[in-house]
N, C-alpha and C. Protein backbone atom coordinates (compact mmCIF):
# COMPACT_ATOMS: atom_id res chain seq x y z
N MET A 1 7.44 57.00 74.57
CA MET A 1 6.59 56.90 75.67
C MET A 1 4.98 56.92 74.53
N PHE A 2 5.54 58.25 73.86
CA PHE A 2 4.03 58.18 72.60
C PHE A 2 4.12 56.77 71.59
N LYS A 3 5.40 56.33 71.27
CA LYS A 3 5.19 55.25 70.22
C LYS A 3 4.73 54.11 71.34
N LYS A 4 4.97 53.82 72.61
CA LYS A 4 4.70 52.71 73.24
C LYS A 4 3.03 52.58 73.35
N ILE A 5 2.55 54.04 73.46
CA ILE A 5 1.07 54.06 73.42
C ILE A 5 0.45 53.32 72.31
N LEU A 6 1.15 54.06 71.18
CA LEU A 6 0.66 53.76 69.85
C LEU A 6 0.46 52.09 69.96
N PHE A 7 1.66 51.40 69.92
CA PHE A 7 2.20 50.17 69.97
C PHE A 7 0.98 49.13 70.69
N LEU A 8 1.03 49.79 72.12
CA LEU A 8 0.00 49.19 72.69
C LEU A 8 -1.53 49.14 72.51
N PHE A 9 -1.94 50.36 71.82
CA PHE A 9 -3.14 50.64 71.16
C PHE A 9 -3.57 49.64 70.14
N PHE A 10 -2.68 49.67 69.35
CA PHE A 10 -2.64 48.75 67.75
C PHE A 10 -2.79 47.36 68.26
N GLY A 11 -2.06 46.94 68.99
CA GLY A 11 -1.94 45.54 69.37
C GLY A 11 -3.06 45.19 69.88
N LEU A 12 -3.81 46.33 70.90
CA LEU A 12 -5.13 45.73 71.52
C LEU A 12 -6.09 45.90 70.35
N ILE A 13 -5.90 46.24 69.53
CA ILE A 13 -6.92 46.09 68.16
C ILE A 13 -6.94 44.90 67.50
N ALA A 14 -5.68 44.46 67.03
CA ALA A 14 -5.58 43.10 67.07
C ALA A 14 -6.04 41.97 67.57
N ILE A 15 -5.74 42.24 69.03
CA ILE A 15 -6.43 41.17 69.69
C ILE A 15 -7.80 41.10 69.97
N CYS A 16 -8.47 42.34 69.85
CA CYS A 16 -10.17 42.43 70.02
C CYS A 16 -10.83 42.04 68.65
N LYS A 17 -10.10 42.27 67.67
CA LYS A 17 -10.62 41.75 66.14
C LYS A 17 -10.48 40.14 66.28
N SER A 18 -9.65 39.30 67.16
CA SER A 18 -10.04 37.88 67.05
C SER A 18 -11.14 37.35 67.93
N TYR A 19 -11.67 37.97 68.80
CA TYR A 19 -12.48 37.28 69.38
C TYR A 19 -13.74 37.59 68.68
N ALA A 20 -14.80 36.36 69.24
CA ALA A 20 -16.06 36.11 68.23
C ALA A 20 -16.87 37.52 68.79
N GLN A 21 -18.00 38.01 67.87
CA GLN A 21 -18.72 38.88 68.14
C GLN A 21 -19.42 38.84 69.36
N SER A 22 -19.93 37.48 69.35
CA SER A 22 -20.89 37.09 70.59
C SER A 22 -20.69 37.49 71.93
N THR A 23 -19.07 37.21 72.07
CA THR A 23 -18.41 37.43 73.34
C THR A 23 -18.71 38.95 73.73
N ASN A 24 -18.09 39.57 72.92
CA ASN A 24 -17.90 40.86 72.82
C ASN A 24 -17.24 41.61 74.13
N PRO A 25 -15.84 41.24 74.06
CA PRO A 25 -15.33 41.61 75.40
C PRO A 25 -14.73 43.04 75.27
N ILE A 26 -14.96 43.72 74.26
CA ILE A 26 -14.66 44.93 74.13
C ILE A 26 -16.22 45.90 74.65
N ARG A 27 -17.30 45.70 74.78
CA ARG A 27 -18.34 45.91 75.29
C ARG A 27 -18.24 45.90 77.10
N ASP A 28 -17.64 44.63 77.36
CA ASP A 28 -17.47 44.73 78.84
C ASP A 28 -16.60 45.35 79.19
N SER A 29 -15.32 45.67 78.71
CA SER A 29 -14.02 46.39 79.10
C SER A 29 -14.53 47.71 79.13
N LEU A 30 -15.51 48.12 78.12
CA LEU A 30 -16.29 49.51 78.25
C LEU A 30 -16.97 49.71 79.56
N SER A 31 -17.75 48.77 79.96
CA SER A 31 -18.84 48.92 81.01
C SER A 31 -17.75 49.07 82.22
N VAL A 32 -16.62 48.33 82.48
CA VAL A 32 -15.84 47.99 83.44
C VAL A 32 -15.16 49.41 83.53
N ALA A 33 -14.63 50.00 82.17
CA ALA A 33 -14.17 51.40 82.69
C ALA A 33 -15.20 52.50 83.19
N MET A 34 -16.32 52.50 82.34
CA MET A 34 -17.59 53.25 82.80
C MET A 34 -17.52 53.14 84.12
N GLU A 35 -17.83 51.90 84.88
CA GLU A 35 -17.91 52.15 86.31
C GLU A 35 -16.84 52.33 87.21
N GLN A 36 -15.70 52.09 86.77
CA GLN A 36 -14.73 52.66 87.37
C GLN A 36 -14.48 54.14 87.45
N LEU A 37 -14.76 54.87 86.08
CA LEU A 37 -15.02 56.59 86.00
C LEU A 37 -16.22 56.75 86.50
N ALA A 38 -17.13 56.14 87.19
CA ALA A 38 -18.32 56.80 88.14
C ALA A 38 -18.02 56.86 89.39
N TYR A 39 -16.94 56.17 89.62
CA TYR A 39 -15.85 56.14 91.37
C TYR A 39 -14.88 57.05 91.03
N HIS A 40 -14.31 57.29 89.93
CA HIS A 40 -13.05 58.21 89.89
C HIS A 40 -13.37 58.98 88.48
N PRO A 41 -14.38 60.19 88.45
CA PRO A 41 -14.37 60.80 87.27
C PRO A 41 -13.32 61.91 87.05
N ASP A 42 -12.38 62.08 87.69
CA ASP A 42 -11.23 62.81 87.22
C ASP A 42 -9.96 62.29 86.75
N SER A 43 -10.41 60.91 86.62
CA SER A 43 -9.14 59.91 86.19
C SER A 43 -8.75 60.08 84.76
N ILE A 44 -7.97 60.66 84.44
CA ILE A 44 -7.38 60.90 83.00
C ILE A 44 -7.27 59.66 82.22
N ASP A 45 -6.15 58.61 83.09
CA ASP A 45 -6.32 57.24 82.59
C ASP A 45 -7.16 56.47 82.24
N LEU A 46 -8.22 56.66 83.29
CA LEU A 46 -9.58 55.77 83.06
C LEU A 46 -10.40 56.23 81.72
N CYS A 47 -9.88 57.56 81.58
CA CYS A 47 -11.02 58.40 80.49
C CYS A 47 -10.14 58.26 79.23
N LEU A 48 -8.81 57.70 79.11
CA LEU A 48 -8.24 57.54 78.12
C LEU A 48 -8.48 55.88 77.69
N LYS A 49 -8.79 55.07 78.54
CA LYS A 49 -9.19 53.67 78.52
C LYS A 49 -10.49 53.52 77.85
N LYS A 50 -11.38 54.34 78.38
CA LYS A 50 -12.84 54.19 77.85
C LYS A 50 -12.73 54.82 76.68
N ALA A 51 -12.06 55.89 76.22
CA ALA A 51 -12.01 56.22 74.70
C ALA A 51 -11.66 55.25 74.06
N GLY A 52 -10.86 54.88 74.08
CA GLY A 52 -9.88 53.82 73.35
C GLY A 52 -11.18 52.56 73.28
N TRP A 53 -11.85 52.23 74.11
CA TRP A 53 -13.07 51.15 73.93
C TRP A 53 -13.98 51.70 72.91
N ASN A 54 -14.17 53.13 73.04
CA ASN A 54 -15.41 53.48 72.21
C ASN A 54 -14.77 53.75 70.78
N ILE A 55 -13.52 53.55 70.94
CA ILE A 55 -12.70 53.71 69.17
C ILE A 55 -12.98 52.39 68.99
N GLN A 56 -12.67 51.27 69.45
CA GLN A 56 -12.74 49.97 69.23
C GLN A 56 -14.27 49.78 68.54
N LEU A 57 -15.18 50.16 69.24
CA LEU A 57 -16.64 50.00 68.89
C LEU A 57 -17.43 50.88 68.01
N GLN A 58 -16.21 51.84 67.41
CA GLN A 58 -16.48 52.80 66.31
C GLN A 58 -17.59 53.92 67.12
N GLN A 59 -17.57 53.89 68.17
CA GLN A 59 -18.72 54.98 69.01
C GLN A 59 -17.45 56.59 68.95
N TRP A 60 -18.02 56.77 67.69
CA TRP A 60 -16.71 58.09 67.38
C TRP A 60 -16.95 59.37 68.41
N GLN A 61 -18.61 59.37 68.24
CA GLN A 61 -18.90 60.68 68.91
C GLN A 61 -18.44 60.53 70.71
N TYR A 62 -18.77 59.19 71.43
CA TYR A 62 -18.57 59.06 72.58
C TYR A 62 -16.91 59.24 72.83
N ALA A 63 -16.01 58.52 71.95
CA ALA A 63 -14.67 58.88 71.97
C ALA A 63 -14.25 60.22 71.70
N GLN A 64 -14.90 61.02 71.20
CA GLN A 64 -14.26 62.48 70.92
C GLN A 64 -14.95 63.26 72.11
N GLU A 65 -16.01 62.99 72.79
CA GLU A 65 -16.27 63.80 73.88
C GLU A 65 -15.55 63.63 75.09
N THR A 66 -15.14 62.21 75.29
CA THR A 66 -14.30 61.77 76.38
C THR A 66 -12.95 62.51 76.20
N TYR A 67 -12.27 62.58 75.00
CA TYR A 67 -11.28 63.11 74.47
C TYR A 67 -11.59 64.73 74.99
N ASP A 68 -12.53 65.16 74.79
CA ASP A 68 -12.89 66.64 75.00
C ASP A 68 -12.24 66.90 76.36
N ARG A 69 -12.98 65.79 77.39
CA ARG A 69 -13.00 66.27 78.74
C ARG A 69 -11.40 66.03 79.17
N VAL A 70 -10.85 65.33 78.50
CA VAL A 70 -9.30 64.84 78.94
C VAL A 70 -8.35 66.46 78.59
N LEU A 71 -8.68 66.67 77.31
CA LEU A 71 -7.71 67.75 77.23
C LEU A 71 -8.33 69.27 77.72
N LYS A 72 -9.60 69.46 78.17
CA LYS A 72 -9.88 70.25 79.23
C LYS A 72 -9.45 70.27 80.43
N ARG A 73 -8.88 69.20 81.02
CA ARG A 73 -8.02 69.02 82.07
C ARG A 73 -6.72 69.01 82.00
N ASP A 74 -6.25 68.70 80.72
CA ASP A 74 -4.87 68.50 80.22
C ASP A 74 -4.47 68.85 78.84
N PRO A 75 -4.45 70.13 78.53
CA PRO A 75 -4.46 70.67 77.17
C PRO A 75 -3.33 70.10 76.23
N ASP A 76 -2.28 69.58 77.08
CA ASP A 76 -1.06 68.97 76.24
C ASP A 76 -1.02 67.11 76.07
N ASN A 77 -2.02 67.12 76.60
CA ASN A 77 -2.19 65.12 76.76
C ASN A 77 -1.60 64.81 75.12
N ILE A 78 -0.60 64.15 75.06
CA ILE A 78 -0.31 63.93 73.84
C ILE A 78 -1.33 62.75 73.26
N ALA A 79 -1.53 61.64 74.11
CA ALA A 79 -2.44 60.81 73.59
C ALA A 79 -3.93 61.02 73.24
N ALA A 80 -4.38 62.03 73.88
CA ALA A 80 -5.94 62.47 73.55
C ALA A 80 -5.93 63.65 72.49
N LEU A 81 -4.66 64.36 71.92
CA LEU A 81 -4.77 65.18 71.14
C LEU A 81 -4.75 64.01 69.84
N TYR A 82 -3.64 63.10 69.59
CA TYR A 82 -3.51 62.29 68.50
C TYR A 82 -4.98 61.37 68.17
N TYR A 83 -5.60 60.86 69.20
CA TYR A 83 -6.59 60.02 69.00
C TYR A 83 -7.86 60.65 68.84
N ARG A 84 -7.83 62.18 69.26
CA ARG A 84 -9.09 63.08 68.79
C ARG A 84 -8.86 63.81 67.65
N ALA A 85 -7.59 63.53 67.15
CA ALA A 85 -7.53 63.88 65.76
C ALA A 85 -7.95 62.52 65.02
N TYR A 86 -7.63 61.54 65.25
CA TYR A 86 -8.13 60.23 64.38
C TYR A 86 -9.43 59.98 64.61
N VAL A 87 -10.54 60.51 65.91
CA VAL A 87 -11.84 60.27 65.55
C VAL A 87 -12.46 61.21 64.95
N ASN A 88 -11.84 62.62 65.00
CA ASN A 88 -12.43 63.98 64.31
C ASN A 88 -12.24 63.54 62.68
N GLU A 89 -11.47 62.97 62.54
CA GLU A 89 -11.10 62.19 60.73
C GLU A 89 -12.14 61.39 60.51
N LYS A 90 -12.34 60.25 61.31
CA LYS A 90 -13.56 59.45 61.11
C LYS A 90 -14.77 60.00 61.20
N GLN A 91 -15.12 61.18 61.89
CA GLN A 91 -16.25 61.55 61.35
C GLN A 91 -16.52 62.73 60.43
N GLY A 92 -15.43 62.93 59.97
CA GLY A 92 -15.54 64.04 58.79
C GLY A 92 -15.31 65.38 58.99
N ARG A 93 -14.74 65.55 60.43
CA ARG A 93 -14.48 66.83 60.77
C ARG A 93 -12.97 67.20 60.91
N TYR A 94 -12.71 67.28 59.18
CA TYR A 94 -11.09 67.57 58.79
C TYR A 94 -10.55 68.90 59.70
N SER A 95 -11.49 69.88 59.82
CA SER A 95 -10.66 71.00 60.26
C SER A 95 -10.48 70.95 61.61
N PHE A 96 -11.05 70.06 62.38
CA PHE A 96 -10.84 69.82 63.69
C PHE A 96 -9.50 69.15 63.89
N ALA A 97 -9.56 67.75 63.09
CA ALA A 97 -8.76 66.90 63.31
C ALA A 97 -7.06 67.59 62.77
N ARG A 98 -7.39 68.39 61.62
CA ARG A 98 -5.67 69.31 61.52
C ARG A 98 -5.36 70.05 62.62
N MET A 99 -6.36 70.62 63.27
CA MET A 99 -5.86 71.64 64.53
C MET A 99 -5.34 70.78 65.48
N ASP A 100 -6.04 69.36 65.76
CA ASP A 100 -5.13 68.59 66.83
C ASP A 100 -3.98 68.13 66.32
N TYR A 101 -3.77 67.70 65.17
CA TYR A 101 -2.47 67.25 64.86
C TYR A 101 -1.39 68.56 64.71
N ASN A 102 -2.01 69.81 64.56
CA ASN A 102 -1.09 70.97 64.51
C ASN A 102 -0.46 71.32 66.02
N ASN A 103 -1.66 71.08 66.88
CA ASN A 103 -1.42 71.45 68.08
C ASN A 103 -0.36 70.26 68.83
N LEU A 104 -0.66 69.13 68.53
CA LEU A 104 0.37 68.05 68.67
C LEU A 104 2.04 68.56 68.36
N LEU A 105 1.79 68.79 67.18
CA LEU A 105 3.16 69.18 66.65
C LEU A 105 4.04 70.34 67.16
N LYS A 106 3.18 70.94 67.80
CA LYS A 106 3.54 72.58 68.84
C LYS A 106 4.14 71.57 70.00
N ILE A 107 3.74 70.79 70.61
CA ILE A 107 4.21 69.82 71.79
C ILE A 107 5.44 69.34 71.49
N ILE A 108 5.36 68.20 70.52
CA ILE A 108 6.31 67.57 70.25
C ILE A 108 6.83 67.83 68.37
N PRO A 109 7.68 68.80 68.40
CA PRO A 109 7.96 69.23 66.49
C PRO A 109 8.63 67.73 66.00
N GLY A 110 7.79 67.85 64.95
CA GLY A 110 8.73 66.70 64.03
C GLY A 110 8.22 65.52 64.34
N ASN A 111 7.36 65.25 65.21
CA ASN A 111 6.66 63.97 65.85
C ASN A 111 6.07 63.19 64.28
N PHE A 112 6.91 62.11 64.14
CA PHE A 112 6.39 61.08 62.98
C PHE A 112 5.03 60.82 62.92
N GLU A 113 4.53 60.50 63.57
CA GLU A 113 2.89 59.88 63.65
C GLU A 113 2.32 61.24 63.33
N ALA A 114 2.25 62.06 64.04
CA ALA A 114 1.12 63.57 63.99
C ALA A 114 1.66 63.89 62.34
N GLN A 115 3.15 63.95 61.82
CA GLN A 115 3.18 64.52 60.54
C GLN A 115 2.50 63.48 59.46
N LEU A 116 2.72 62.47 59.53
CA LEU A 116 2.30 61.35 58.77
C LEU A 116 0.71 61.47 58.76
N GLY A 117 -0.05 61.73 60.09
CA GLY A 117 -1.55 61.99 60.13
C GLY A 117 -1.98 62.95 59.30
N LEU A 118 -1.10 64.20 59.47
CA LEU A 118 -1.53 65.44 58.82
C LEU A 118 -1.43 65.46 57.60
N ALA A 119 -0.25 64.41 57.02
CA ALA A 119 -0.29 64.69 55.60
C ALA A 119 -1.49 63.76 54.83
N LEU A 120 -1.83 62.17 55.45
CA LEU A 120 -2.69 61.45 54.90
C LEU A 120 -4.06 62.41 55.04
N LEU A 121 -4.36 63.10 56.15
CA LEU A 121 -5.65 64.11 56.38
C LEU A 121 -5.76 64.98 54.89
N ASN A 122 -4.66 65.63 54.82
CA ASN A 122 -4.50 66.89 53.62
C ASN A 122 -4.89 66.12 52.43
N GLN A 123 -4.58 64.65 52.33
CA GLN A 123 -4.37 64.16 51.11
C GLN A 123 -5.99 63.70 50.81
N LYS A 124 -6.77 63.40 51.95
CA LYS A 124 -7.94 62.98 51.99
C LYS A 124 -8.92 64.32 52.05
N ASP A 125 -8.50 65.19 52.13
CA ASP A 125 -9.39 66.60 52.14
C ASP A 125 -8.92 67.42 50.96
N HIS A 126 -8.43 66.86 50.11
CA HIS A 126 -8.08 67.33 48.74
C HIS A 126 -7.15 68.65 48.95
N HIS A 127 -6.26 68.48 49.81
CA HIS A 127 -5.51 69.77 50.19
C HIS A 127 -3.93 69.25 49.44
N TYR A 128 -4.20 68.78 48.13
CA TYR A 128 -2.89 67.91 47.62
C TYR A 128 -1.53 68.83 47.45
N THR A 129 -1.44 69.81 47.55
CA THR A 129 -0.07 70.49 47.43
C THR A 129 0.42 70.51 49.05
N GLU A 130 -0.27 71.02 49.99
CA GLU A 130 0.05 70.56 51.34
C GLU A 130 0.28 68.92 51.55
N ALA A 131 -0.54 68.30 51.19
CA ALA A 131 0.02 66.88 51.47
C ALA A 131 1.20 66.42 51.01
N MET A 132 1.51 66.63 49.96
CA MET A 132 2.49 66.26 49.18
C MET A 132 3.84 66.89 49.81
N GLU A 133 3.84 68.20 49.74
CA GLU A 133 4.89 68.85 50.53
C GLU A 133 5.22 68.08 52.02
N GLN A 134 4.34 67.77 52.74
CA GLN A 134 4.33 66.95 54.12
C GLN A 134 5.14 65.69 54.00
N ILE A 135 4.32 65.13 53.24
CA ILE A 135 5.02 63.42 52.90
C ILE A 135 6.59 63.56 52.34
N ASN A 136 6.51 64.35 51.46
CA ASN A 136 8.04 64.65 50.92
C ASN A 136 8.98 65.04 52.29
N ARG A 137 8.57 66.05 53.14
CA ARG A 137 9.45 66.32 54.36
C ARG A 137 9.77 65.26 55.10
N LEU A 138 8.55 64.66 55.17
CA LEU A 138 8.70 63.15 56.05
C LEU A 138 9.65 62.37 55.70
N VAL A 139 9.49 61.91 54.83
CA VAL A 139 10.81 61.02 53.99
C VAL A 139 11.79 61.88 54.15
N GLU A 140 12.00 62.93 54.10
CA GLU A 140 13.46 63.64 54.30
C GLU A 140 14.07 63.53 55.74
N GLN A 141 13.12 63.69 56.47
CA GLN A 141 13.32 63.80 57.82
C GLN A 141 13.52 62.34 58.45
N TYR A 142 12.74 61.25 57.89
CA TYR A 142 13.04 59.87 58.18
C TYR A 142 13.19 59.19 57.16
N PRO A 143 14.36 59.15 56.60
CA PRO A 143 15.01 58.29 55.37
C PRO A 143 15.26 56.97 55.68
N ASP A 144 14.96 56.38 56.70
CA ASP A 144 14.99 54.96 57.04
C ASP A 144 13.67 54.43 57.52
N SER A 145 12.67 55.13 57.29
CA SER A 145 11.39 54.74 57.55
C SER A 145 10.68 53.87 56.19
N ALA A 146 10.27 52.67 56.33
CA ALA A 146 9.73 51.93 55.46
C ALA A 146 8.26 52.48 55.31
N VAL A 147 7.93 53.23 56.38
CA VAL A 147 6.33 53.35 56.56
C VAL A 147 6.20 54.84 55.56
N ALA A 148 7.10 55.66 55.88
CA ALA A 148 7.15 56.95 55.33
C ALA A 148 7.06 56.80 53.48
N TYR A 149 7.90 55.82 53.21
CA TYR A 149 8.10 55.56 51.53
C TYR A 149 6.84 55.09 51.55
N ALA A 150 6.23 54.09 51.90
CA ALA A 150 4.93 53.52 51.54
C ALA A 150 3.81 54.63 51.71
N ALA A 151 3.93 55.52 52.68
CA ALA A 151 2.50 56.48 52.59
C ALA A 151 2.72 57.33 51.38
N ARG A 152 4.19 57.85 51.18
CA ARG A 152 4.12 58.73 49.86
C ARG A 152 3.69 57.93 48.57
N ALA A 153 4.31 56.73 48.70
CA ALA A 153 3.67 55.86 47.35
C ALA A 153 2.15 55.65 47.22
N GLY A 154 1.43 55.53 48.26
CA GLY A 154 -0.13 55.46 48.55
C GLY A 154 -0.38 56.88 48.07
N ILE A 155 -0.01 57.77 48.21
CA ILE A 155 -0.51 59.37 47.84
C ILE A 155 -0.13 59.23 46.45
N GLU A 156 0.86 58.99 45.86
CA GLU A 156 1.31 58.98 44.50
C GLU A 156 0.07 57.92 43.55
N CYS A 157 -0.06 56.87 44.42
CA CYS A 157 -1.03 56.17 43.60
C CYS A 157 -2.51 56.31 43.65
N GLU A 158 -2.86 57.40 44.61
CA GLU A 158 -4.26 58.30 44.22
C GLU A 158 -4.16 58.98 43.38
N ARG A 159 -2.77 59.63 42.73
CA ARG A 159 -2.90 60.73 41.81
C ARG A 159 -2.16 59.85 40.45
N ASN A 160 -2.62 58.84 40.38
CA ASN A 160 -1.82 58.12 39.02
C ASN A 160 -0.52 58.10 38.95
N MET A 161 0.43 58.62 39.60
CA MET A 161 1.92 58.64 39.73
C MET A 161 2.27 57.29 39.92
N PHE A 162 2.60 56.46 38.83
CA PHE A 162 2.61 55.19 39.15
C PHE A 162 4.20 55.17 39.30
N GLU A 163 4.53 55.56 38.59
CA GLU A 163 6.29 55.13 38.40
C GLU A 163 6.73 55.45 39.66
N LEU A 164 6.81 56.75 40.22
CA LEU A 164 6.94 57.30 41.21
C LEU A 164 6.58 56.47 42.54
N ALA A 165 5.55 56.35 42.64
CA ALA A 165 4.75 55.04 43.29
C ALA A 165 5.59 53.74 43.54
N GLU A 166 5.90 53.13 42.48
CA GLU A 166 6.63 52.12 42.20
C GLU A 166 8.02 51.87 42.84
N TYR A 167 8.61 53.19 42.74
CA TYR A 167 10.04 53.52 43.37
C TYR A 167 9.92 53.78 44.59
N ASP A 168 8.54 54.54 45.18
CA ASP A 168 8.76 54.54 46.66
C ASP A 168 8.43 53.05 47.11
N TYR A 169 7.54 52.40 46.88
CA TYR A 169 7.25 50.89 47.52
C TYR A 169 8.77 50.19 47.08
N ALA A 170 9.47 50.24 46.13
CA ALA A 170 10.76 49.66 46.51
C ALA A 170 11.58 50.06 47.48
N GLU A 171 11.36 51.48 47.44
CA GLU A 171 12.46 51.90 48.80
C GLU A 171 12.01 50.99 49.97
N ALA A 172 10.40 51.02 50.03
CA ALA A 172 9.84 50.66 51.38
C ALA A 172 10.09 49.36 51.50
N VAL A 173 10.19 48.18 50.62
CA VAL A 173 10.60 46.97 50.58
C VAL A 173 12.05 47.03 51.18
N LYS A 174 12.94 47.84 50.63
CA LYS A 174 14.49 47.86 50.73
C LYS A 174 14.55 48.00 52.26
N ARG A 175 13.62 48.41 53.00
CA ARG A 175 13.92 48.97 54.39
C ARG A 175 13.03 48.10 55.28
N ASP A 176 12.01 47.43 54.73
CA ASP A 176 11.28 46.36 55.42
C ASP A 176 10.72 45.14 54.45
N ALA A 177 11.69 44.41 54.45
CA ALA A 177 11.98 43.16 53.13
C ALA A 177 10.76 42.14 53.50
N GLY A 178 10.11 42.05 54.50
CA GLY A 178 9.25 40.72 54.98
C GLY A 178 7.83 41.53 54.66
N ASN A 179 7.77 42.76 54.57
CA ASN A 179 6.42 43.44 54.51
C ASN A 179 5.55 43.07 52.92
N THR A 180 4.68 41.91 53.27
CA THR A 180 3.91 41.60 52.20
C THR A 180 3.27 42.60 51.32
N ASP A 181 2.40 43.49 52.03
CA ASP A 181 1.72 44.31 51.84
C ASP A 181 2.54 45.41 50.55
N TYR A 182 3.52 45.35 51.08
CA TYR A 182 4.45 46.55 50.24
C TYR A 182 4.60 46.12 48.91
N ILE A 183 5.01 44.73 49.22
CA ILE A 183 5.78 44.13 48.02
C ILE A 183 4.50 43.69 47.04
N LEU A 184 3.54 43.50 47.58
CA LEU A 184 2.14 43.10 46.51
C LEU A 184 1.83 44.34 45.99
N ASN A 185 1.92 45.40 46.71
CA ASN A 185 1.27 46.96 46.18
C ASN A 185 2.88 47.18 45.13
N ARG A 186 3.77 46.88 45.16
CA ARG A 186 4.76 47.01 43.99
C ARG A 186 4.38 46.03 42.87
N ALA A 187 4.19 44.84 43.06
CA ALA A 187 3.83 43.80 41.92
C ALA A 187 2.75 44.69 41.14
N ASP A 188 1.88 45.07 41.86
CA ASP A 188 0.58 45.31 41.16
C ASP A 188 1.10 46.63 40.29
N LEU A 189 1.82 47.43 40.86
CA LEU A 189 2.30 48.61 40.11
C LEU A 189 3.33 48.42 38.86
N LEU A 190 3.94 47.29 38.84
CA LEU A 190 4.94 46.80 37.95
C LEU A 190 3.76 46.44 36.86
N ILE A 191 2.82 45.63 37.24
CA ILE A 191 2.17 45.06 36.37
C ILE A 191 1.41 46.17 35.39
N ARG A 192 0.98 47.16 36.08
CA ARG A 192 0.32 48.66 35.49
C ARG A 192 1.54 49.29 34.51
N LEU A 193 2.40 49.27 35.09
CA LEU A 193 3.52 49.70 34.33
C LEU A 193 4.25 48.68 33.03
N ASN A 194 3.40 47.69 32.86
CA ASN A 194 3.71 46.66 31.94
C ASN A 194 5.49 46.10 32.13
N ARG A 195 5.60 46.23 33.24
CA ARG A 195 7.04 45.46 33.65
C ARG A 195 6.71 43.62 34.40
N LYS A 196 6.15 43.09 33.62
CA LYS A 196 5.63 41.88 34.05
C LYS A 196 6.96 40.91 34.50
N GLN A 197 7.85 40.79 33.89
CA GLN A 197 9.38 40.28 34.40
C GLN A 197 9.41 40.48 35.77
N GLU A 198 9.61 41.87 36.17
CA GLU A 198 9.88 42.45 37.48
C GLU A 198 8.73 41.94 38.58
N ALA A 199 7.78 42.17 38.14
CA ALA A 199 6.44 41.88 38.79
C ALA A 199 6.09 40.25 39.05
N ARG A 200 6.73 39.42 38.10
CA ARG A 200 6.35 38.07 38.48
C ARG A 200 7.75 37.78 39.63
N LYS A 201 8.73 38.43 39.64
CA LYS A 201 9.85 38.07 40.58
C LYS A 201 9.32 38.63 42.15
N GLU A 202 8.68 39.89 41.98
CA GLU A 202 7.93 40.02 43.42
C GLU A 202 6.68 39.20 43.63
N LEU A 203 5.94 38.55 42.96
CA LEU A 203 5.08 37.72 43.07
C LEU A 203 5.82 36.39 43.54
N ASP A 204 6.51 35.92 43.16
CA ASP A 204 7.28 34.93 43.32
C ASP A 204 8.24 34.87 44.90
N ARG A 205 8.46 36.07 45.31
CA ARG A 205 9.04 36.69 46.59
C ARG A 205 7.77 36.36 47.33
N LEU A 206 6.66 36.88 47.28
CA LEU A 206 5.35 36.59 48.14
C LEU A 206 5.45 35.45 48.47
N VAL A 207 5.44 34.21 47.44
CA VAL A 207 5.05 32.92 47.73
C VAL A 207 6.27 32.45 48.60
N ALA A 208 7.54 32.39 48.30
CA ALA A 208 8.59 32.53 49.28
C ALA A 208 8.44 32.99 50.94
N LEU A 209 7.57 33.90 50.82
CA LEU A 209 7.49 34.47 52.10
C LEU A 209 6.37 33.81 53.05
N GLY A 210 5.51 32.99 52.22
CA GLY A 210 4.57 32.17 52.63
C GLY A 210 3.04 32.60 52.30
N ILE A 211 3.15 33.21 51.45
CA ILE A 211 1.70 33.63 50.87
C ILE A 211 1.36 32.57 49.89
N PRO A 212 0.04 32.07 50.22
CA PRO A 212 -0.29 30.96 49.16
C PRO A 212 -0.55 31.50 47.75
N ARG A 213 -0.01 30.50 46.71
CA ARG A 213 0.11 30.87 45.50
C ARG A 213 -0.89 30.92 45.21
N ASN A 214 -2.04 30.28 45.23
CA ASN A 214 -3.13 30.28 44.76
C ASN A 214 -4.30 31.63 44.89
N SER A 215 -3.59 32.40 46.18
CA SER A 215 -4.25 33.86 46.58
C SER A 215 -3.73 34.86 45.48
N LEU A 216 -2.69 34.66 44.73
CA LEU A 216 -2.05 35.20 44.14
C LEU A 216 -2.52 34.92 42.65
N ASN A 217 -3.34 34.29 42.18
CA ASN A 217 -3.33 33.72 40.80
C ASN A 217 -4.10 34.73 39.94
N GLU A 218 -4.98 35.74 40.51
CA GLU A 218 -5.28 36.89 39.30
C GLU A 218 -3.92 37.53 38.65
N TYR A 219 -3.13 37.77 39.90
CA TYR A 219 -2.05 38.59 39.54
C TYR A 219 -0.90 37.81 38.44
N TYR A 220 -0.69 36.28 39.01
CA TYR A 220 0.21 35.53 37.85
C TYR A 220 -0.58 35.64 36.40
N LYS A 221 -2.12 35.63 36.34
CA LYS A 221 -2.40 35.57 35.30
C LYS A 221 -2.45 36.59 34.77
N LYS A 222 -2.03 38.21 35.02
CA LYS A 222 -1.90 39.38 34.48
C LYS A 222 -0.36 39.40 34.00
N VAL A 223 0.36 38.60 34.75
CA VAL A 223 2.10 39.14 34.39
C VAL A 223 1.83 37.95 33.17
N ARG A 224 1.15 36.75 32.82
CA ARG A 224 1.30 35.82 31.61
C ARG A 224 0.70 36.25 30.65
N LYS A 225 0.04 37.40 30.54
CA LYS A 225 -0.44 38.06 29.41
C LYS A 225 0.38 38.69 28.61
């Protein structure tokens, strides 16, 4: 259920971004949700829809206030806790975001998305030891997850642990062979590590997957040096 909510939410993001700004269907949808809420102020589903549109419009405060309303009525609402954590993080309210993730993990212990969000939050908030412990634990718990390996690689990159990051991106690619972002990140790390022959193979793989070669020219120049 929770994963379905996430899938629908992020699918909605992709669809909305494809519309021209002038048509602004997001604001139209928000207006409809607000009108419906005026008649059904206690509807949690409508509140969640409204908050989702607020997020689309980057109206973080409005989204937070709506999630506050939901959680006041339903303290264990999984979607509201998860997205309020996200909204709190966007507002720089890291301690509040951390509480939401921790409360979510009390309800659904071991949840992948909540653990990942908490690890990335701690990295952003300079809680480096906690972040690394949490992302390591996530990889151990979900050894088949490309996302977990890629997330750890991203943290390692931020700490200039390039060899470890390259290994983790390689593991991510093994689990999601068509993910061009992972392949490109690995190629970039291989260049940094002066492993240019391997980097070129990764660039060629990207071309084979349909990435225009001219968009990779800067990387190809680096492997020829």
